[in-house]
């Protein structure tokens, strides 16, 4: 959701932890295309393809760590879909996961 410096700090922190593999991948949902557009454009224009740098400081896949959603009802769907997809990728045939295994603690 739209927020101030604290929100930006938390966003940068969780993106950094995931990017550097110090944390598992968690769903990052930014609510409000109009609110986040300027920051995401800056990420793309300055961090990904900055003309002053020979290489960007982030990769295209780093931008894929986030999704922007405008409809609050779709946020829950996006989070649930993330964990359902993740579970399908990691679950072995015949293996059952407990609720504790499905929880993520940062």
PDB file of N, CA and C in Angstrom:
ATOM      1  N   UNK A   1       0.850  -1.169   0.000  1.00  0.00           N
ATOM      2  CA  UNK A   1       0.000   0.000   0.000  1.00  0.00           C
ATOM      3  C   UNK A   1       0.891   1.226   0.000  1.00  0.00           C
ATOM      4  N   UNK A   2       0.346   2.336  -0.425  1.00  0.00           N
ATOM      5  CA  UNK A   2       1.140   3.560  -0.384  1.00  0.00           C
ATOM      6  C   UNK A   2       1.646   3.826   1.030  1.00  0.00           C
ATOM      7  N   UNK A   3       2.858   4.313   1.102  1.00  0.00           N
ATOM      8  CA  UNK A   3       3.449   4.586   2.401  1.00  0.00           C
ATOM      9  C   UNK A   3       4.603   5.550   2.278  1.00  0.00           C
ATOM     10  N   UNK A   4       5.284   5.767   3.375  1.00  0.00           N
ATOM     11  CA  UNK A   4       6.378   6.726   3.412  1.00  0.00           C
ATOM     12  C   UNK A   4       7.737   6.055   3.462  1.00  0.00           C
ATOM     13  N   UNK A   5       8.668   6.703   4.165  1.00  0.00           N
ATOM     14  CA  UNK A   5      10.042   6.207   4.229  1.00  0.00           C
ATOM     15  C   UNK A   5      10.129   4.807   4.825  1.00  0.00           C
ATOM     16  N   UNK A   6       9.300   4.510   5.800  1.00  0.00           N
ATOM     17  CA  UNK A   6       9.327   3.177   6.409  1.00  0.00           C
ATOM     18  C   UNK A   6       8.956   2.095   5.415  1.00  0.00           C
ATOM     19  N   UNK A   7       7.947   2.380   4.604  1.00  0.00           N
ATOM     20  CA  UNK A   7       7.537   1.423   3.578  1.00  0.00           C
ATOM     21  C   UNK A   7       8.652   1.216   2.566  1.00  0.00           C
ATOM     22  N   UNK A   8       9.292   2.302   2.141  1.00  0.00           N
ATOM     23  CA  UNK A   8      10.403   2.198   1.188  1.00  0.00           C
ATOM     24  C   UNK A   8      11.563   1.418   1.791  1.00  0.00           C
ATOM     25  N   UNK A   9      11.830   1.640   3.073  1.00  0.00           N
ATOM     26  CA  UNK A   9      12.901   0.923   3.758  1.00  0.00           C
ATOM     27  C   UNK A   9      12.612  -0.574   3.778  1.00  0.00           C
ATOM     28  N   UNK A  10      11.386  -0.942   4.142  1.00  0.00           N
ATOM     29  CA  UNK A  10      11.011  -2.355   4.190  1.00  0.00           C
ATOM     30  C   UNK A  10      11.058  -2.987   2.803  1.00  0.00           C
ATOM     31  N   UNK A  11      10.604  -2.254   1.789  1.00  0.00           N
ATOM     32  CA  UNK A  11      10.636  -2.770   0.419  1.00  0.00           C
ATOM     33  C   UNK A  11      12.072  -3.027  -0.014  1.00  0.00           C
ATOM     34  N   UNK A  12      12.939  -2.062   0.209  1.00  0.00           N
ATOM     35  CA  UNK A  12      14.341  -2.226  -0.179  1.00  0.00           C
ATOM     36  C   UNK A  12      14.991  -3.371   0.589  1.00  0.00           C
ATOM     37  N   UNK A  13      14.657  -3.496   1.857  1.00  0.00           N
ATOM     38  CA  UNK A  13      15.261  -4.544   2.673  1.00  0.00           C
ATOM     39  C   UNK A  13      14.849  -5.940   2.192  1.00  0.00           C
ATOM     40  N   UNK A  14      13.553  -6.147   1.973  1.00  0.00           N
ATOM     41  CA  UNK A  14      13.117  -7.477   1.558  1.00  0.00           C
ATOM     42  C   UNK A  14      13.598  -7.793   0.140  1.00  0.00           C
ATOM     43  N   UNK A  15      13.637  -6.802  -0.750  1.00  0.00           N
ATOM     44  CA  UNK A  15      14.181  -7.031  -2.093  1.00  0.00           C
ATOM     45  C   UNK A  15      15.659  -7.424  -2.017  1.00  0.00           C
ATOM     46  N   UNK A  16      16.408  -6.747  -1.161  1.00  0.00           N
ATOM     47  CA  UNK A  16      17.831  -7.050  -1.002  1.00  0.00           C
ATOM     48  C   UNK A  16      18.040  -8.448  -0.437  1.00  0.00           C
ATOM     49  N   UNK A  17      17.266  -8.822   0.583  1.00  0.00           N
ATOM     50  CA  UNK A  17      17.398 -10.155   1.173  1.00  0.00           C
ATOM     51  C   UNK A  17      17.111 -11.253   0.154  1.00  0.00           C
ATOM     52  N   UNK A  18      16.084 -11.047  -0.661  1.00  0.00           N
ATOM     53  CA  UNK A  18      15.753 -12.054  -1.671  1.00  0.00           C
ATOM     54  C   UNK A  18      16.814 -12.067  -2.765  1.00  0.00           C
ATOM     55  N   UNK A  19      17.216 -10.892  -3.228  1.00  0.00           N
ATOM     56  CA  UNK A  19      18.204 -10.783  -4.301  1.00  0.00           C
ATOM     57  C   UNK A  19      19.521 -11.450  -3.908  1.00  0.00           C
ATOM     58  N   UNK A  20      19.930 -11.274  -2.673  1.00  0.00           N
ATOM     59  CA  UNK A  20      21.208 -11.818  -2.204  1.00  0.00           C
ATOM     60  C   UNK A  20      21.077 -13.224  -1.613  1.00  0.00           C
ATOM     61  N   UNK A  21      19.863 -13.770  -1.696  1.00  0.00           N
ATOM     62  CA  UNK A  21      19.562 -15.118  -1.211  1.00  0.00           C
ATOM     63  C   UNK A  21      19.788 -15.281   0.296  1.00  0.00           C
ATOM     64  N   UNK A  22      19.604 -14.208   1.041  1.00  0.00           N
ATOM     65  CA  UNK A  22      19.661 -14.275   2.499  1.00  0.00           C
ATOM     66  C   UNK A  22      18.276 -14.556   3.068  1.00  0.00           C
ATOM     67  N   UNK A  23      17.293 -14.605   2.195  1.00  0.00           N
ATOM     68  CA  UNK A  23      15.918 -14.900   2.574  1.00  0.00           C
ATOM     69  C   UNK A  23      15.274 -15.708   1.459  1.00  0.00           C
ATOM     70  N   UNK A  24      14.273 -16.497   1.844  1.00  0.00           N
ATOM     71  CA  UNK A  24      13.462 -17.163   0.830  1.00  0.00           C
ATOM     72  C   UNK A  24      12.696 -16.111   0.038  1.00  0.00           C
ATOM     73  N   UNK A  25      12.276 -16.488  -1.152  1.00  0.00           N
ATOM     74  CA  UNK A  25      11.440 -15.612  -1.967  1.00  0.00           C
ATOM     75  C   UNK A  25      10.066 -15.548  -1.329  1.00  0.00           C
ATOM     76  N   UNK A  26       9.588 -14.364  -1.082  1.00  0.00           N
ATOM     77  CA  UNK A  26       8.255 -14.134  -0.532  1.00  0.00           C
ATOM     78  C   UNK A  26       7.504 -13.246  -1.512  1.00  0.00           C
ATOM     79  N   UNK A  27       6.182 -13.280  -1.483  1.00  0.00           N
ATOM     80  CA  UNK A  27       5.442 -12.420  -2.408  1.00  0.00           C
ATOM     81  C   UNK A  27       5.592 -10.950  -2.008  1.00  0.00           C
ATOM     82  N   UNK A  28       5.899 -10.126  -2.988  1.00  0.00           N
ATOM     83  CA  UNK A  28       5.987  -8.686  -2.774  1.00  0.00           C
ATOM     84  C   UNK A  28       4.928  -8.062  -3.671  1.00  0.00           C
ATOM     85  N   UNK A  29       3.897  -7.534  -3.050  1.00  0.00           N
ATOM     86  CA  UNK A  29       2.781  -6.949  -3.792  1.00  0.00           C
ATOM     87  C   UNK A  29       2.709  -5.470  -3.448  1.00  0.00           C
ATOM     88  N   UNK A  30       2.836  -4.642  -4.484  1.00  0.00           N
ATOM     89  CA  UNK A  30       2.704  -3.204  -4.329  1.00  0.00           C
ATOM     90  C   UNK A  30       1.300  -2.830  -4.781  1.00  0.00           C
ATOM     91  N   UNK A  31       0.556  -2.185  -3.920  1.00  0.00           N
ATOM     92  CA  UNK A  31      -0.835  -1.855  -4.233  1.00  0.00           C
ATOM     93  C   UNK A  31      -0.904  -0.412  -4.711  1.00  0.00           C
ATOM     94  N   UNK A  32      -1.357  -0.248  -5.955  1.00  0.00           N
ATOM     95  CA  UNK A  32      -1.545   1.088  -6.513  1.00  0.00           C
ATOM     96  C   UNK A  32      -0.552   1.429  -7.608  1.00  0.00           C
ATOM     97  N   UNK A  33      -0.923   1.157  -8.844  1.00  0.00           N
ATOM     98  CA  UNK A  33      -0.036   1.411  -9.989  1.00  0.00           C
ATOM     99  C   UNK A  33       0.422   2.861 -10.037  1.00  0.00           C
ATOM    100  N   UNK A  34      -0.507   3.781  -9.867  1.00  0.00           N
ATOM    101  CA  UNK A  34      -0.170   5.207  -9.968  1.00  0.00           C
ATOM    102  C   UNK A  34       0.830   5.616  -8.883  1.00  0.00           C
ATOM    103  N   UNK A  35       0.630   5.128  -7.666  1.00  0.00           N
ATOM    104  CA  UNK A  35       1.521   5.482  -6.564  1.00  0.00           C
ATOM    105  C   UNK A  35       2.941   4.969  -6.793  1.00  0.00           C
ATOM    106  N   UNK A  36       3.087   3.733  -7.252  1.00  0.00           N
ATOM    107  CA  UNK A  36       4.393   3.088  -7.376  1.00  0.00           C
ATOM    108  C   UNK A  36       5.070   3.326  -8.724  1.00  0.00           C
ATOM    109  N   UNK A  37       4.367   3.893  -9.706  1.00  0.00           N
ATOM    110  CA  UNK A  37       4.896   4.029 -11.069  1.00  0.00           C
ATOM    111  C   UNK A  37       6.229   4.773 -11.112  1.00  0.00           C
ATOM    112  N   UNK A  38       6.351   5.870 -10.413  1.00  0.00           N
ATOM    113  CA  UNK A  38       7.586   6.657 -10.435  1.00  0.00           C
ATOM    114  C   UNK A  38       8.780   5.882  -9.907  1.00  0.00           C
ATOM    115  N   UNK A  39       8.596   5.181  -8.812  1.00  0.00           N
ATOM    116  CA  UNK A  39       9.687   4.392  -8.234  1.00  0.00           C
ATOM    117  C   UNK A  39      10.074   3.246  -9.164  1.00  0.00           C
ATOM    118  N   UNK A  40       9.085   2.561  -9.713  1.00  0.00           N
ATOM    119  CA  UNK A  40       9.378   1.448 -10.615  1.00  0.00           C
ATOM    120  C   UNK A  40      10.050   1.935 -11.890  1.00  0.00           C
ATOM    121  N   UNK A  41       9.644   3.100 -12.392  1.00  0.00           N
ATOM    122  CA  UNK A  41      10.331   3.685 -13.554  1.00  0.00           C
ATOM    123  C   UNK A  41      11.781   4.005 -13.202  1.00  0.00           C
ATOM    124  N   UNK A  42      12.006   4.520 -12.006  1.00  0.00           N
ATOM    125  CA  UNK A  42      13.373   4.826 -11.568  1.00  0.00           C
ATOM    126  C   UNK A  42      14.195   3.549 -11.474  1.00  0.00           C
ATOM    127  N   UNK A  43      13.603   2.487 -10.925  1.00  0.00           N
ATOM    128  CA  UNK A  43      14.301   1.194 -10.884  1.00  0.00           C
ATOM    129  C   UNK A  43      14.731   0.786 -12.291  1.00  0.00           C
ATOM    130  N   UNK A  44      13.806   0.878 -13.242  1.00  0.00           N
ATOM    131  CA  UNK A  44      14.086   0.444 -14.616  1.00  0.00           C
ATOM    132  C   UNK A  44      15.108   1.347 -15.301  1.00  0.00           C
ATOM    133  N   UNK A  45      14.955   2.664 -15.137  1.00  0.00           N
ATOM    134  CA  UNK A  45      15.798   3.605 -15.862  1.00  0.00           C
ATOM    135  C   UNK A  45      17.148   3.874 -15.212  1.00  0.00           C
ATOM    136  N   UNK A  46      17.225   3.733 -13.917  1.00  0.00           N
ATOM    137  CA  UNK A  46      18.475   4.053 -13.224  1.00  0.00           C
ATOM    138  C   UNK A  46      19.211   2.815 -12.710  1.00  0.00           C
ATOM    139  N   UNK A  47      18.510   1.849 -12.200  1.00  0.00           N
ATOM    140  CA  UNK A  47      19.165   0.670 -11.637  1.00  0.00           C
ATOM    141  C   UNK A  47      19.372  -0.426 -12.672  1.00  0.00           C
ATOM    142  N   UNK A  48      18.424  -0.587 -13.575  1.00  0.00           N
ATOM    143  CA  UNK A  48      18.513  -1.655 -14.564  1.00  0.00           C
ATOM    144  C   UNK A  48      19.343  -1.254 -15.772  1.00  0.00           C
ATOM    145  N   UNK A  49      19.103  -0.065 -16.303  1.00  0.00           N
ATOM    146  CA  UNK A  49      19.752   0.337 -17.564  1.00  0.00           C
ATOM    147  C   UNK A  49      20.334   1.740 -17.501  1.00  0.00           C
ATOM    148  N   UNK A  50      21.012   2.064 -16.452  1.00  0.00           N
ATOM    149  CA  UNK A  50      21.591   3.393 -16.301  1.00  0.00           C
ATOM    150  C   UNK A  50      22.684   3.609 -17.343  1.00  0.00           C
ATOM    151  N   UNK A  51      22.537   4.633 -18.147  1.00  0.00           N
ATOM    152  CA  UNK A  51      23.514   4.926 -19.207  1.00  0.00           C
ATOM    153  C   UNK A  51      24.881   5.309 -18.639  1.00  0.00           C
ATOM    154  N   UNK A  52      24.939   5.722 -17.391  1.00  0.00           N
ATOM    155  CA  UNK A  52      26.216   6.097 -16.778  1.00  0.00           C
ATOM    156  C   UNK A  52      27.016   4.882 -16.330  1.00  0.00           C
ATOM    157  N   UNK A  53      26.376   3.735 -16.263  1.00  0.00           N
ATOM    158  CA  UNK A  53      27.034   2.514 -15.821  1.00  0.00           C
ATOM    159  C   UNK A  53      27.232   1.586 -17.011  1.00  0.00           C
ATOM    160  N   UNK A  54      28.288   0.806 -16.984  1.00  0.00           N
ATOM    161  CA  UNK A  54      28.478  -0.167 -18.062  1.00  0.00           C
ATOM    162  C   UNK A  54      27.470  -1.303 -17.943  1.00  0.00           C
ATOM    163  N   UNK A  55      27.089  -1.640 -16.737  1.00  0.00           N
ATOM    164  CA  UNK A  55      26.059  -2.648 -16.480  1.00  0.00           C
ATOM    165  C   UNK A  55      25.099  -2.092 -15.449  1.00  0.00           C
ATOM    166  N   UNK A  56      23.861  -2.530 -15.518  1.00  0.00           N
ATOM    167  CA  UNK A  56      22.918  -2.137 -14.487  1.00  0.00           C
ATOM    168  C   UNK A  56      23.303  -2.758 -13.160  1.00  0.00           C
ATOM    169  N   UNK A  57      22.747  -2.223 -12.100  1.00  0.00           N
ATOM    170  CA  UNK A  57      23.067  -2.748 -10.769  1.00  0.00           C
ATOM    171  C   UNK A  57      22.019  -3.742 -10.279  1.00  0.00           C
ATOM    172  N   UNK A  58      20.948  -3.911 -11.064  1.00  0.00           N
ATOM    173  CA  UNK A  58      19.988  -4.970 -10.816  1.00  0.00           C
ATOM    174  C   UNK A  58      19.742  -5.659 -12.156  1.00  0.00           C
ATOM    175  N   UNK A  59      19.143  -6.833 -12.090  1.00  0.00           N
ATOM    176  CA  UNK A  59      18.827  -7.549 -13.325  1.00  0.00           C
ATOM    177  C   UNK A  59      17.324  -7.508 -13.569  1.00  0.00           C
ATOM    178  N   UNK A  60      16.947  -7.891 -14.777  1.00  0.00           N
ATOM    179  CA  UNK A  60      15.527  -7.930 -15.139  1.00  0.00           C
ATOM    180  C   UNK A  60      14.746  -8.844 -14.193  1.00  0.00           C
ATOM    181  N   UNK A  61      15.369  -9.949 -13.781  1.00  0.00           N
ATOM    182  CA  UNK A  61      14.660 -10.876 -12.884  1.00  0.00           C
ATOM    183  C   UNK A  61      14.417 -10.259 -11.509  1.00  0.00           C
ATOM    184  N   UNK A  62      15.239  -9.287 -11.107  1.00  0.00           N
ATOM    185  CA  UNK A  62      15.001  -8.607  -9.836  1.00  0.00           C
ATOM    186  C   UNK A  62      13.697  -7.808  -9.878  1.00  0.00           C
ATOM    187  N   UNK A  63      13.380  -7.255 -11.038  1.00  0.00           N
ATOM    188  CA  UNK A  63      12.112  -6.526 -11.177  1.00  0.00           C
ATOM    189  C   UNK A  63      10.920  -7.474 -11.083  1.00  0.00           C
ATOM    190  N   UNK A  64      11.152  -8.727 -11.442  1.00  0.00           N
ATOM    191  CA  UNK A  64      10.077  -9.720 -11.374  1.00  0.00           C
ATOM    192  C   UNK A  64       9.768 -10.168  -9.949  1.00  0.00           C
ATOM    193  N   UNK A  65      10.565  -9.729  -8.986  1.00  0.00           N
ATOM    194  CA  UNK A  65      10.306 -10.080  -7.588  1.00  0.00           C
ATOM    195  C   UNK A  65       9.047  -9.395  -7.058  1.00  0.00           C
ATOM    196  N   UNK A  66       8.624  -8.330  -7.750  1.00  0.00           N
ATOM    197  CA  UNK A  66       7.478  -7.539  -7.296  1.00  0.00           C
ATOM    198  C   UNK A  66       6.348  -7.627  -8.311  1.00  0.00           C
ATOM    199  N   UNK A  67       5.144  -7.443  -7.816  1.00  0.00           N
ATOM    200  CA  UNK A  67       4.013  -7.258  -8.711  1.00  0.00           C
ATOM    201  C   UNK A  67       3.167  -6.111  -8.192  1.00  0.00           C
ATOM    202  N   UNK A  68       2.577  -5.382  -9.125  1.00  0.00           N
ATOM    203  CA  UNK A  68       1.729  -4.242  -8.770  1.00  0.00           C
ATOM    204  C   UNK A  68       0.288  -4.632  -9.044  1.00  0.00           C
ATOM    205  N   UNK A  69      -0.545  -4.402  -8.062  1.00  0.00           N
ATOM    206  CA  UNK A  69      -1.961  -4.749  -8.165  1.00  0.00           C
ATOM    207  C   UNK A  69      -2.775  -3.539  -7.705  1.00  0.00           C
ATOM    208  N   UNK A  70      -3.823  -3.235  -8.450  1.00  0.00           N
ATOM    209  CA  UNK A  70      -4.680  -2.106  -8.085  1.00  0.00           C
ATOM    210  C   UNK A  70      -5.896  -2.514  -7.267  1.00  0.00           C
ATOM    211  N   UNK A  71      -6.389  -3.711  -7.468  1.00  0.00           N
ATOM    212  CA  UNK A  71      -7.595  -4.169  -6.792  1.00  0.00           C
ATOM    213  C   UNK A  71      -7.224  -4.887  -5.497  1.00  0.00           C
ATOM    214  N   UNK A  72      -7.593  -4.310  -4.348  1.00  0.00           N
ATOM    215  CA  UNK A  72      -7.238  -4.940  -3.067  1.00  0.00           C
ATOM    216  C   UNK A  72      -7.710  -6.385  -2.940  1.00  0.00           C
ATOM    217  N   UNK A  73      -8.837  -6.714  -3.573  1.00  0.00           N
ATOM    218  CA  UNK A  73      -9.331  -8.091  -3.507  1.00  0.00           C
ATOM    219  C   UNK A  73      -8.381  -9.065  -4.201  1.00  0.00           C
ATOM    220  N   UNK A  74      -7.615  -8.583  -5.166  1.00  0.00           N
ATOM    221  CA  UNK A  74      -6.693  -9.448  -5.903  1.00  0.00           C
ATOM    222  C   UNK A  74      -5.378  -9.677  -5.157  1.00  0.00           C
ATOM    223  N   UNK A  75      -5.113  -8.871  -4.135  1.00  0.00           N
ATOM    224  CA  UNK A  75      -3.877  -9.025  -3.374  1.00  0.00           C
ATOM    225  C   UNK A  75      -3.843 -10.394  -2.691  1.00  0.00           C
ATOM    226  N   UNK A  76      -4.902 -10.749  -2.008  1.00  0.00           N
ATOM    227  CA  UNK A  76      -4.949 -12.051  -1.342  1.00  0.00           C
ATOM    228  C   UNK A  76      -4.809 -13.178  -2.356  1.00  0.00           C
ATOM    229  N   UNK A  77      -5.483 -13.043  -3.488  1.00  0.00           N
ATOM    230  CA  UNK A  77      -5.369 -14.066  -4.537  1.00  0.00           C
ATOM    231  C   UNK A  77      -3.921 -14.214  -5.000  1.00  0.00           C
ATOM    232  N   UNK A  78      -3.217 -13.105  -5.150  1.00  0.00           N
ATOM    233  CA  UNK A  78      -1.825 -13.142  -5.607  1.00  0.00           C
ATOM    234  C   UNK A  78      -0.928 -13.824  -4.574  1.00  0.00           C
ATOM    235  N   UNK A  79      -1.138 -13.527  -3.304  1.00  0.00           N
ATOM    236  CA  UNK A  79      -0.321 -14.137  -2.246  1.00  0.00           C
ATOM    237  C   UNK A  79      -0.598 -15.638  -2.168  1.00  0.00           C
ATOM    238  N   UNK A  80      -1.863 -16.009  -2.196  1.00  0.00           N
ATOM    239  CA  UNK A  80      -2.205 -17.432  -2.149  1.00  0.00           C
ATOM    240  C   UNK A  80      -1.660 -18.173  -3.367  1.00  0.00           C
ATOM    241  N   UNK A  81      -1.768 -17.575  -4.540  1.00  0.00           N
ATOM    242  CA  UNK A  81      -1.239 -18.201  -5.757  1.00  0.00           C
ATOM    243  C   UNK A  81       0.269 -18.382  -5.667  1.00  0.00           C
ATOM    244  N   UNK A  82       0.965 -17.410  -5.091  1.00  0.00           N
ATOM    245  CA  UNK A  82       2.414 -17.522  -4.929  1.00  0.00           C
ATOM    246  C   UNK A  82       2.765 -18.768  -4.122  1.00  0.00           C
ATOM    247  N   UNK A  83       2.103 -18.943  -2.983  1.00  0.00           N
ATOM    248  CA  UNK A  83       2.428 -20.082  -2.124  1.00  0.00           C
ATOM    249  C   UNK A  83       1.939 -21.400  -2.709  1.00  0.00           C
ATOM    250  N   UNK A  84       0.826 -21.394  -3.413  1.00  0.00           N
ATOM    251  CA  UNK A  84       0.366 -22.614  -4.066  1.00  0.00           C
ATOM    252  C   UNK A  84       1.353 -23.043  -5.146  1.00  0.00           C
ATOM    253  N   UNK A  85       1.827 -22.093  -5.949  1.00  0.00           N
ATOM    254  CA  UNK A  85       2.820 -22.407  -6.984  1.00  0.00           C
ATOM    255  C   UNK A  85       4.109 -22.911  -6.360  1.00  0.00           C
ATOM    256  N   UNK A  86       4.531 -22.266  -5.293  1.00  0.00           N
ATOM    257  CA  UNK A  86       5.765 -22.662  -4.612  1.00  0.00           C
ATOM    258  C   UNK A  86       5.644 -24.070  -4.041  1.00  0.00           C
ATOM    259  N   UNK A  87       4.485 -24.357  -3.451  1.00  0.00           N
ATOM    260  CA  UNK A  87       4.259 -25.683  -2.861  1.00  0.00           C
ATOM    261  C   UNK A  87       4.296 -26.762  -3.932  1.00  0.00           C
ATOM    262  N   UNK A  88       3.682 -26.487  -5.079  1.00  0.00           N
ATOM    263  CA  UNK A  88       3.690 -27.463  -6.170  1.00  0.00           C
ATOM    264  C   UNK A  88       5.108 -27.721  -6.674  1.00  0.00           C
ATOM    265  N   UNK A  89       5.944 -26.712  -6.663  1.00  0.00           N
ATOM    266  CA  UNK A  89       7.318 -26.860  -7.150  1.00  0.00           C
ATOM    267  C   UNK A  89       8.194 -27.630  -6.172  1.00  0.00           C
ATOM    268  N   UNK A  90       7.907 -27.556  -4.885  1.00  0.00           N
ATOM    269  CA  UNK A  90       8.795 -28.159  -3.893  1.00  0.00           C
ATOM    270  C   UNK A  90       8.282 -29.456  -3.294  1.00  0.00           C
ATOM    271  N   UNK A  91       7.003 -29.713  -3.402  1.00  0.00           N
ATOM    272  CA  UNK A  91       6.429 -30.896  -2.766  1.00  0.00           C
ATOM    273  C   UNK A  91       6.762 -32.156  -3.548  1.00  0.00           C
ATOM    274  N   UNK A  92       7.221 -33.163  -2.855  1.00  0.00           N
ATOM    275  CA  UNK A  92       7.538 -34.453  -3.450  1.00  0.00           C
ATOM    276  C   UNK A  92       6.271 -35.311  -3.472  1.00  0.00           C
ATOM    277  N   UNK A  93       6.145 -36.228  -4.416  1.00  0.00           N
ATOM    278  CA  UNK A  93       4.971 -37.108  -4.446  1.00  0.00           C
ATOM    279  C   UNK A  93       4.805 -37.844  -3.123  1.00  0.00           C
ATOM    280  N   UNK A  94       3.578 -37.842  -2.617  1.00  0.00           N
ATOM    281  CA  UNK A  94       3.281 -38.538  -1.378  1.00  0.00           C
ATOM    282  C   UNK A  94       3.690 -37.774  -0.129  1.00  0.00           C
ATOM    283  N   UNK A  95       4.285 -36.611  -0.285  1.00  0.00           N
ATOM    284  CA  UNK A  95       4.745 -35.829   0.858  1.00  0.00           C
ATOM    285  C   UNK A  95       3.641 -34.868   1.284  1.00  0.00           C
ATOM    286  N   UNK A  96       3.429 -34.755   2.559  1.00  0.00           N
ATOM    287  CA  UNK A  96       2.423 -33.842   3.081  1.00  0.00           C
ATOM    288  C   UNK A  96       3.118 -32.786   3.924  1.00  0.00           C
ATOM    289  N   UNK A  97       2.743 -31.540   3.728  1.00  0.00           N
ATOM    290  CA  UNK A  97       3.360 -30.446   4.476  1.00  0.00           C
ATOM    291  C   UNK A  97       2.467 -30.052   5.639  1.00  0.00           C
ATOM    292  N   UNK A  98       3.069 -29.786   6.787  1.00  0.00           N
ATOM    293  CA  UNK A  98       2.313 -29.279   7.926  1.00  0.00           C
ATOM    294  C   UNK A  98       2.148 -27.777   7.768  1.00  0.00           C
ATOM    295  N   UNK A  99       1.255 -27.185   8.551  1.00  0.00           N
ATOM    296  CA  UNK A  99       1.067 -25.732   8.489  1.00  0.00           C
ATOM    297  C   UNK A  99       2.338 -24.996   8.852  1.00  0.00           C
ATOM    298  N   UNK A 100       3.144 -25.546   9.776  1.00  0.00           N
ATOM    299  CA  UNK A 100       4.396 -24.907  10.161  1.00  0.00           C
ATOM    300  C   UNK A 100       5.359 -24.839   8.984  1.00  0.00           C
ATOM    301  N   UNK A 101       5.367 -25.864   8.123  1.00  0.00           N
ATOM    302  CA  UNK A 101       6.246 -25.876   6.961  1.00  0.00           C
ATOM    303  C   UNK A 101       5.846 -24.832   5.941  1.00  0.00           C
ATOM    304  N   UNK A 102       4.592 -24.440   5.950  1.00  0.00           N
ATOM    305  CA  UNK A 102       4.093 -23.479   4.981  1.00  0.00           C
ATOM    306  C   UNK A 102       4.300 -22.040   5.432  1.00  0.00           C
ATOM    307  N   UNK A 103       4.605 -21.835   6.670  1.00  0.00           N
ATOM    308  CA  UNK A 103       4.786 -20.485   7.195  1.00  0.00           C
ATOM    309  C   UNK A 103       6.170 -19.974   6.864  1.00  0.00           C
ATOM    310  N   UNK A 104       6.277 -18.684   6.733  1.00  0.00           N
ATOM    311  CA  UNK A 104       7.566 -18.054   6.467  1.00  0.00           C
ATOM    312  C   UNK A 104       7.818 -17.011   7.537  1.00  0.00           C
ATOM    313  N   UNK A 105       8.991 -17.077   8.102  1.00  0.00           N
ATOM    314  CA  UNK A 105       9.389 -16.093   9.098  1.00  0.00           C
ATOM    315  C   UNK A 105      10.641 -15.413   8.624  1.00  0.00           C
ATOM    316  N   UNK A 106      10.625 -14.104   8.520  1.00  0.00           N
ATOM    317  CA  UNK A 106      11.770 -13.343   8.041  1.00  0.00           C
ATOM    318  C   UNK A 106      12.741 -13.104   9.166  1.00  0.00           C
TER     319      UNK A 106
END
